[in-house]
């Protein structure tokens, strides 16, 4: 889900990354949230494993 540039959440998507541990590989699902703070005029990107909370 992608939101406008007016501030707040810019993007909220589910991503998968490959994790290598010892001799095995597995996929890890994560939620990537991009957020724009109008006060600080900065963009932040968060990775989380919380999937049940949506804006």
N, C-alpha and C. Protein backbone atom coordinates (compact mmCIF):
# COMPACT_ATOMS: atom_id res chain seq x y z
N UNK A 1 0.85 -1.17 0.00
CA UNK A 1 0.00 0.00 0.00
C UNK A 1 0.90 1.23 0.00
N UNK A 2 0.63 2.17 -0.86
CA UNK A 2 1.44 3.39 -0.96
C UNK A 2 0.53 4.59 -0.70
N UNK A 3 1.02 5.55 0.07
CA UNK A 3 0.25 6.73 0.45
C UNK A 3 0.89 7.98 -0.13
N UNK A 4 0.23 9.11 0.00
CA UNK A 4 0.70 10.37 -0.57
C UNK A 4 1.87 10.98 0.17
N UNK A 5 2.49 12.00 -0.42
CA UNK A 5 3.67 12.68 0.14
C UNK A 5 3.31 13.76 1.16
N UNK A 6 2.05 13.90 1.54
CA UNK A 6 1.65 14.96 2.45
C UNK A 6 2.15 14.79 3.87
N UNK A 7 2.73 13.66 4.19
CA UNK A 7 3.20 13.39 5.54
C UNK A 7 2.61 12.10 6.05
N UNK A 8 3.22 11.56 7.07
CA UNK A 8 2.74 10.31 7.63
C UNK A 8 3.29 9.12 6.86
N UNK A 9 2.48 8.07 6.76
CA UNK A 9 2.91 6.84 6.11
C UNK A 9 2.98 7.03 4.60
N UNK A 10 4.14 6.76 4.02
CA UNK A 10 4.32 6.86 2.57
C UNK A 10 4.13 5.51 1.90
N UNK A 11 4.55 4.44 2.60
CA UNK A 11 4.49 3.10 2.01
C UNK A 11 4.37 2.09 3.13
N UNK A 12 3.58 1.04 2.90
CA UNK A 12 3.40 -0.04 3.87
C UNK A 12 3.29 -1.33 3.08
N UNK A 13 4.39 -2.08 2.99
CA UNK A 13 4.41 -3.28 2.15
C UNK A 13 5.00 -4.47 2.91
N UNK A 14 4.65 -5.68 2.46
CA UNK A 14 5.21 -6.91 2.98
C UNK A 14 6.36 -7.32 2.07
N UNK A 15 7.52 -7.62 2.67
CA UNK A 15 8.68 -8.05 1.89
C UNK A 15 9.14 -9.41 2.41
N UNK A 16 9.92 -10.11 1.60
CA UNK A 16 10.54 -11.36 2.02
C UNK A 16 12.03 -11.27 1.80
N UNK A 17 12.78 -11.71 2.78
CA UNK A 17 14.23 -11.75 2.64
C UNK A 17 14.69 -13.19 2.88
N UNK A 18 15.80 -13.54 2.26
CA UNK A 18 16.36 -14.87 2.44
C UNK A 18 17.36 -14.84 3.59
N UNK A 19 17.18 -15.78 4.52
CA UNK A 19 18.03 -15.85 5.69
C UNK A 19 18.84 -17.15 5.61
N UNK A 20 20.16 -17.02 5.76
CA UNK A 20 21.03 -18.20 5.75
C UNK A 20 21.50 -18.45 7.17
N UNK A 21 21.24 -19.65 7.65
CA UNK A 21 21.67 -20.03 8.99
C UNK A 21 22.29 -21.42 8.91
N UNK A 22 23.55 -21.51 9.27
CA UNK A 22 24.32 -22.74 9.12
C UNK A 22 24.30 -23.16 7.65
N UNK A 23 23.77 -24.33 7.35
CA UNK A 23 23.72 -24.78 5.96
C UNK A 23 22.33 -24.67 5.36
N UNK A 24 21.41 -24.07 6.05
CA UNK A 24 20.03 -24.00 5.54
C UNK A 24 19.64 -22.56 5.20
N UNK A 25 18.69 -22.46 4.29
CA UNK A 25 18.13 -21.15 3.90
C UNK A 25 16.64 -21.16 4.18
N UNK A 26 16.13 -20.01 4.57
CA UNK A 26 14.69 -19.86 4.76
C UNK A 26 14.30 -18.44 4.42
N UNK A 27 13.02 -18.24 4.15
CA UNK A 27 12.50 -16.91 3.84
C UNK A 27 11.85 -16.32 5.08
N UNK A 28 12.11 -15.05 5.29
CA UNK A 28 11.56 -14.34 6.43
C UNK A 28 10.66 -13.22 5.91
N UNK A 29 9.40 -13.22 6.33
CA UNK A 29 8.47 -12.15 5.94
C UNK A 29 8.59 -11.00 6.92
N UNK A 30 8.69 -9.80 6.38
CA UNK A 30 8.75 -8.59 7.19
C UNK A 30 7.83 -7.54 6.61
N UNK A 31 7.46 -6.60 7.42
CA UNK A 31 6.66 -5.46 6.99
C UNK A 31 7.59 -4.25 6.94
N UNK A 32 7.62 -3.55 5.79
CA UNK A 32 8.43 -2.36 5.62
C UNK A 32 7.51 -1.14 5.57
N UNK A 33 7.74 -0.22 6.48
CA UNK A 33 6.92 0.99 6.56
C UNK A 33 7.82 2.20 6.36
N UNK A 34 7.51 3.02 5.35
CA UNK A 34 8.21 4.30 5.14
C UNK A 34 7.33 5.40 5.67
N UNK A 35 7.93 6.30 6.43
CA UNK A 35 7.18 7.35 7.12
C UNK A 35 7.89 8.68 6.93
N UNK A 36 7.11 9.73 6.66
CA UNK A 36 7.67 11.08 6.51
C UNK A 36 7.22 11.93 7.69
N UNK A 37 8.20 12.51 8.39
CA UNK A 37 7.92 13.40 9.52
C UNK A 37 8.01 14.84 9.02
N UNK A 38 6.87 15.52 8.98
CA UNK A 38 6.83 16.90 8.48
C UNK A 38 7.58 17.87 9.38
N UNK A 39 7.58 17.61 10.69
CA UNK A 39 8.26 18.51 11.62
C UNK A 39 9.77 18.47 11.42
N UNK A 40 10.32 17.28 11.33
CA UNK A 40 11.76 17.13 11.14
C UNK A 40 12.18 17.17 9.68
N UNK A 41 11.19 17.11 8.78
CA UNK A 41 11.44 17.09 7.33
C UNK A 41 12.41 15.95 6.98
N UNK A 42 12.08 14.77 7.52
CA UNK A 42 12.90 13.58 7.31
C UNK A 42 12.03 12.38 7.01
N UNK A 43 12.59 11.46 6.27
CA UNK A 43 11.91 10.21 5.96
C UNK A 43 12.56 9.08 6.76
N UNK A 44 11.74 8.20 7.32
CA UNK A 44 12.21 7.07 8.09
C UNK A 44 11.70 5.79 7.46
N UNK A 45 12.47 4.72 7.60
CA UNK A 45 12.06 3.41 7.10
C UNK A 45 12.19 2.42 8.24
N UNK A 46 11.11 1.69 8.49
CA UNK A 46 11.07 0.74 9.59
C UNK A 46 10.83 -0.66 9.06
N UNK A 47 11.50 -1.65 9.63
CA UNK A 47 11.23 -3.06 9.35
C UNK A 47 10.69 -3.66 10.63
N UNK A 48 9.58 -4.42 10.51
CA UNK A 48 8.94 -5.00 11.68
C UNK A 48 8.35 -6.36 11.32
N UNK A 49 8.09 -7.16 12.34
CA UNK A 49 7.39 -8.42 12.12
C UNK A 49 5.95 -8.34 12.65
N UNK A 50 5.48 -7.15 12.95
CA UNK A 50 4.09 -6.95 13.36
C UNK A 50 3.21 -6.77 12.13
N UNK A 51 2.32 -7.71 11.89
CA UNK A 51 1.47 -7.66 10.70
C UNK A 51 0.02 -7.29 11.03
N UNK A 52 -0.35 -7.33 12.29
CA UNK A 52 -1.75 -7.10 12.64
C UNK A 52 -2.10 -5.64 12.85
N UNK A 53 -1.14 -4.74 12.81
CA UNK A 53 -1.42 -3.31 12.97
C UNK A 53 -1.28 -2.61 11.62
N UNK A 54 -2.31 -1.93 11.22
CA UNK A 54 -2.33 -1.18 9.96
C UNK A 54 -2.75 0.25 10.25
N UNK A 55 -2.23 1.22 9.46
CA UNK A 55 -2.64 2.62 9.69
C UNK A 55 -4.10 2.84 9.35
